[in-house]
Protein backbone atom coordinates (compact mmCIF):
# COMPACT_ATOMS: atom_id res chain seq x y z
CA UNK A 1 15.09 -106.56 -102.69
CA UNK A 2 18.67 -107.50 -101.94
CA UNK A 3 20.68 -110.22 -103.63
CA UNK A 4 20.44 -113.25 -101.33
CA UNK A 5 23.62 -115.00 -102.44
CA UNK A 6 26.74 -114.26 -104.45
CA UNK A 7 27.24 -115.97 -107.80
CA UNK A 8 29.70 -118.84 -108.17
CA UNK A 9 31.88 -116.62 -110.37
CA UNK A 10 32.02 -113.90 -107.71
CA UNK A 11 33.04 -116.41 -105.02
CA UNK A 12 35.45 -118.52 -107.13
CA UNK A 13 38.65 -119.17 -105.20
CA UNK A 14 41.56 -117.00 -106.40
CA UNK A 15 43.83 -120.00 -107.09
CA UNK A 16 41.18 -121.49 -109.40
CA UNK A 17 40.59 -118.12 -111.05
CA UNK A 18 44.30 -117.85 -111.91
CA UNK A 19 44.37 -121.44 -113.25
CA UNK A 20 41.20 -121.05 -115.32
CA UNK A 21 42.05 -117.64 -116.79
CA UNK A 22 43.33 -117.61 -120.36
CA UNK A 23 44.29 -113.94 -120.05
CA UNK A 24 45.51 -111.84 -117.12
CA UNK A 25 46.71 -108.26 -117.63
CA UNK A 26 48.22 -105.45 -115.62
CA UNK A 27 46.52 -102.39 -117.12
CA UNK A 28 46.03 -98.65 -116.70
CA UNK A 29 42.59 -97.05 -117.19
CA UNK A 30 42.85 -94.46 -119.99
CA UNK A 31 39.27 -93.62 -121.02
CA UNK A 32 35.63 -94.19 -120.05
CA UNK A 33 32.32 -93.74 -121.79
CA UNK A 34 28.79 -94.10 -120.49
CA UNK A 35 25.99 -95.24 -122.82
CA UNK A 36 22.62 -96.83 -122.10
CA UNK A 37 23.42 -97.37 -118.40
CA UNK A 38 26.68 -99.17 -119.24
CA UNK A 39 30.15 -97.83 -118.52
CA UNK A 40 32.90 -99.02 -120.86
CA UNK A 41 36.47 -98.46 -119.72
CA UNK A 42 39.46 -98.71 -122.05
CA UNK A 43 42.80 -99.81 -120.64
CA UNK A 44 46.37 -99.75 -121.91
CA UNK A 45 48.12 -103.06 -121.20
CA UNK A 46 51.27 -102.60 -119.12
CA UNK A 47 52.10 -106.29 -118.59
CA UNK A 48 50.72 -109.48 -120.13
CA UNK A 49 50.84 -111.71 -117.05
CA UNK A 50 49.19 -114.57 -118.94
CA UNK A 51 47.66 -115.01 -122.38
CA UNK A 52 47.45 -113.15 -125.66
CA UNK A 53 49.69 -110.18 -126.31
CA UNK A 54 47.66 -107.01 -126.74
CA UNK A 55 48.12 -103.27 -126.32
CA UNK A 56 44.59 -102.32 -125.19
CA UNK A 57 41.39 -103.86 -123.94
CA UNK A 58 37.94 -102.69 -122.89
CA UNK A 59 35.64 -103.88 -120.12
CA UNK A 60 31.99 -102.96 -119.62
CA UNK A 61 29.90 -103.01 -116.46
CA UNK A 62 26.38 -101.77 -115.69
CA UNK A 63 26.37 -98.17 -114.51
CA UNK A 64 25.58 -97.99 -110.81
CA UNK A 65 25.08 -95.44 -108.09
CA UNK A 66 26.94 -96.00 -104.90
CA UNK A 67 26.92 -94.34 -101.54
CA UNK A 68 29.61 -91.63 -101.45
CA UNK A 69 30.30 -92.42 -97.78
CA UNK A 70 31.11 -96.05 -98.53
CA UNK A 71 32.59 -95.62 -102.01
CA UNK A 72 36.15 -95.50 -100.66
CA UNK A 73 36.07 -99.21 -99.91
CA UNK A 74 35.59 -99.98 -103.60
CA UNK A 75 38.72 -98.00 -104.49
CA UNK A 76 40.97 -99.79 -102.00
CA UNK A 77 44.09 -101.80 -102.73
CA UNK A 78 43.88 -103.48 -99.29
CA UNK A 79 47.24 -101.91 -98.27
CA UNK A 80 48.99 -103.27 -101.38
CA UNK A 81 47.00 -106.48 -100.73
CA UNK A 82 48.84 -107.13 -97.45
CA UNK A 83 45.52 -107.00 -95.51
CA UNK A 84 44.57 -110.55 -94.45
CA UNK A 85 40.87 -109.84 -95.18
CA UNK A 86 41.61 -109.67 -98.92
CA UNK A 87 42.83 -113.28 -99.09
CA UNK A 88 39.46 -114.77 -98.07
CA UNK A 89 37.18 -116.09 -100.84
CA UNK A 90 34.56 -113.56 -101.94
CA UNK A 91 36.56 -110.55 -100.72
CA UNK A 92 37.74 -107.93 -103.21
CA UNK A 93 36.96 -104.57 -104.71
CA UNK A 94 33.97 -105.61 -106.81
CA UNK A 95 30.47 -104.90 -105.54
CA UNK A 96 27.32 -107.03 -105.78
CA UNK A 97 24.19 -105.07 -106.73
CA UNK A 98 20.71 -105.85 -105.40
CA UNK A 99 19.89 -107.62 -108.70
CA UNK A 100 22.93 -109.92 -108.13
CA UNK A 101 24.98 -108.33 -110.92
CA UNK A 102 28.60 -107.62 -110.05
CA UNK A 103 30.24 -104.31 -110.91
CA UNK A 104 33.61 -102.66 -110.46
CA UNK A 105 34.41 -99.01 -110.92
CA UNK A 106 37.62 -97.67 -112.42
CA UNK A 107 39.46 -94.37 -112.03
CA UNK A 108 41.38 -92.99 -114.98
CA UNK A 109 45.12 -93.19 -114.42
CA UNK A 110 44.84 -96.05 -111.91
CA UNK A 111 46.41 -99.47 -112.50
CA UNK A 112 44.45 -102.73 -112.22
CA UNK A 113 45.11 -106.45 -112.48
CA UNK A 114 42.34 -107.61 -114.83
CA UNK A 115 41.00 -111.11 -115.35
CA UNK A 116 38.72 -110.49 -118.38
CA UNK A 117 37.04 -113.93 -118.20
CA UNK A 118 36.39 -113.43 -114.48
CA UNK A 119 35.66 -109.69 -114.39
CA UNK A 120 32.71 -110.43 -112.08
CA UNK A 121 34.87 -112.20 -109.49
CA UNK A 122 35.44 -110.40 -106.20
CA UNK A 123 39.16 -110.20 -107.13
CA UNK A 124 38.72 -109.84 -110.92
CA UNK A 125 39.72 -106.14 -111.13
CA UNK A 126 41.97 -105.25 -108.20
CA UNK A 127 43.82 -101.93 -108.00
CA UNK A 128 47.56 -102.29 -108.60
CA UNK A 129 49.52 -99.05 -108.58
CA UNK A 130 52.81 -100.56 -107.43
CA UNK A 131 54.43 -103.66 -108.95
CA UNK A 132 55.56 -104.72 -105.46
CA UNK A 133 51.85 -105.26 -104.64
CA UNK A 134 51.35 -108.65 -102.96
CA UNK A 135 48.39 -109.72 -105.18
CA UNK A 136 50.24 -108.84 -108.41
CA UNK A 137 53.35 -110.71 -107.24
CA UNK A 138 51.25 -113.70 -106.10
CA UNK A 139 49.49 -113.99 -109.48
CA UNK A 140 52.75 -113.61 -111.44
CA UNK A 141 54.44 -116.29 -109.32
CA UNK A 142 51.52 -118.72 -109.79
CA UNK A 143 51.47 -118.17 -113.57
CA UNK A 144 55.25 -118.50 -113.90
CA UNK A 145 55.26 -121.67 -111.76
CA UNK A 146 52.71 -123.28 -114.13
CA UNK A 147 54.72 -122.27 -117.24
CA UNK A 148 58.02 -123.75 -116.00
């Protein structure tokens, strides 16, 4: 049975997600371990965009199988987030499973903009491998505007 509707957290508007996040980090995936159908990824923090200063953090998601033919869309950066589709609510890299859980997969060596409190949001774990990325710049500008 498929999930009939996305959770409020998954659909939360990106402006609200930025406002309501205590911590936002630009990170690089450095290790992964799989235990009891859960994948835990460890990240080195490259930039504290908002929140507590830290060097590393870990995020866990349920292990999931995905279709190899469609898996590329979950490893997209939406052309450095210049693709208009990305900016709609409920659009991002994260995937909703049939049981309504949200998951994101991570590749070692890749960079991500992580919102730990909103890891299950559509945009909660976007790929960022270039600091000129539009999403990364957008989030930094919003955070800096609120701090000044």
